[in-house]
Amino acid sequence: MQNPSSIEAAAKLATDAEEKSLLLEACILIAVADNSLDLKEVEVLTKVCEALGLSQSKMALTLAAIAQNNRQIKIVGNDSDFDGDEMIFED
């Protein structure tokens, strides 16, 4: 098994679009494992996207999909309290 020494080397191991997307998703899951996303983590994820040849939009959509299923994730610098603002409608 190869042990890549850089983001670029790791990205080269992904051979198709599905593997690239899975690698990006895995990196995002690692970044938010502590339920927090800070600027340094975003910078690394941006480098991952560039190395994989993926857009930042892809990163944002993947992050949004992960975050919508975990309302505990906080993005540093964003003071929105979605739980407090959330409206619940009952039928």
Protein backbone atom coordinates (compact mmCIF):
# COMPACT_ATOMS: atom_id res chain seq x y z
CA MET A 1 0.00 0.00 0.00
CA GLN A 2 1.27 3.45 -0.86
CA ASN A 3 1.78 6.08 1.82
CA PRO A 4 1.43 9.47 0.09
CA SER A 5 3.49 12.28 1.57
CA SER A 6 1.37 15.20 0.36
CA ILE A 7 -2.15 16.20 -0.54
CA GLU A 8 -1.18 16.22 -4.20
CA ALA A 9 0.31 12.71 -3.99
CA ALA A 10 -2.81 11.42 -2.24
CA ALA A 11 -5.06 13.04 -4.83
CA LYS A 12 -3.23 11.23 -7.63
CA LEU A 13 -4.35 7.92 -6.12
CA ALA A 14 -7.97 8.77 -6.98
CA THR A 15 -8.49 7.53 -10.53
CA ASP A 16 -12.06 8.56 -11.33
CA ALA A 17 -14.77 11.06 -10.37
CA GLU A 18 -16.37 8.74 -7.83
CA GLU A 19 -13.07 8.14 -6.01
CA LYS A 20 -12.34 11.88 -6.03
CA SER A 21 -15.74 12.64 -4.52
CA LEU A 22 -15.32 9.95 -1.87
CA LEU A 23 -11.86 11.26 -0.97
CA LEU A 24 -13.21 14.79 -0.62
CA GLU A 25 -16.12 13.58 1.51
CA ALA A 26 -13.74 11.62 3.76
CA CYS A 27 -11.56 14.71 4.24
CA ILE A 28 -14.61 16.81 5.11
CA LEU A 29 -15.83 14.19 7.61
CA ILE A 30 -12.40 14.24 9.26
CA ALA A 31 -12.42 18.05 9.37
CA VAL A 32 -15.81 18.19 11.10
CA ALA A 33 -15.31 15.15 13.35
CA ASP A 34 -15.06 17.52 16.32
CA ASN A 35 -18.30 19.26 15.22
CA SER A 36 -16.33 22.37 14.29
CA LEU A 37 -14.90 23.74 11.05
CA ASP A 38 -12.26 26.44 11.30
CA LEU A 39 -10.35 28.52 8.77
CA LYS A 40 -7.27 26.25 8.69
CA GLU A 41 -9.48 23.25 7.94
CA VAL A 42 -11.17 25.14 5.12
CA GLU A 43 -7.75 26.04 3.71
CA VAL A 44 -6.72 22.37 3.70
CA LEU A 45 -10.03 21.30 2.15
CA THR A 46 -9.53 23.92 -0.56
CA LYS A 47 -6.09 22.44 -1.31
CA VAL A 48 -7.67 18.99 -1.46
CA CYS A 49 -10.25 20.26 -3.98
CA GLU A 50 -7.55 21.83 -6.13
CA ALA A 51 -5.41 18.69 -6.04
CA LEU A 52 -8.41 16.54 -7.01
CA GLY A 53 -9.43 18.94 -9.77
CA LEU A 54 -12.77 19.58 -8.05
CA SER A 55 -14.49 22.93 -7.66
CA GLN A 56 -15.00 24.78 -4.41
CA SER A 57 -18.71 24.53 -5.20
CA LYS A 58 -18.39 20.75 -4.96
CA MET A 59 -16.74 21.18 -1.58
CA ALA A 60 -19.49 23.52 -0.36
CA LEU A 61 -22.26 21.20 -1.54
CA THR A 62 -20.61 18.17 0.07
CA LEU A 63 -20.11 20.07 3.32
CA ALA A 64 -23.73 21.27 3.25
CA ALA A 65 -24.98 17.71 2.75
CA ILE A 66 -22.92 16.52 5.73
CA ALA A 67 -23.84 19.49 7.95
CA GLN A 68 -27.58 19.23 7.30
CA ASN A 69 -27.49 15.79 8.90
CA ASN A 70 -25.52 17.00 11.91
CA ARG A 71 -26.86 20.24 13.38
CA GLN A 72 -24.07 20.17 15.99
CA ILE A 73 -21.44 21.23 13.43
CA LYS A 74 -20.39 24.82 14.03
CA ILE A 75 -18.49 26.85 11.47
CA VAL A 76 -16.03 29.15 13.23
CA GLY A 77 -16.86 32.76 12.42
CA ASN A 78 -20.53 32.01 11.83
CA ASP A 79 -22.65 32.96 14.82
CA SER A 80 -25.97 31.75 13.41
CA ASP A 81 -28.04 29.72 15.83
CA PHE A 82 -30.17 27.64 13.55
CA ASP A 83 -31.69 25.68 16.41
CA GLY A 84 -33.00 28.89 17.96
CA ASP A 85 -34.25 30.20 14.62
CA GLU A 86 -35.78 26.95 13.47
CA MET A 87 -39.50 26.94 12.87
CA ILE A 88 -41.37 23.68 13.30
CA PHE A 89 -44.76 23.25 11.71
CA GLU A 90 -47.00 20.45 12.84
CA ASP A 91 -49.84 19.06 10.79
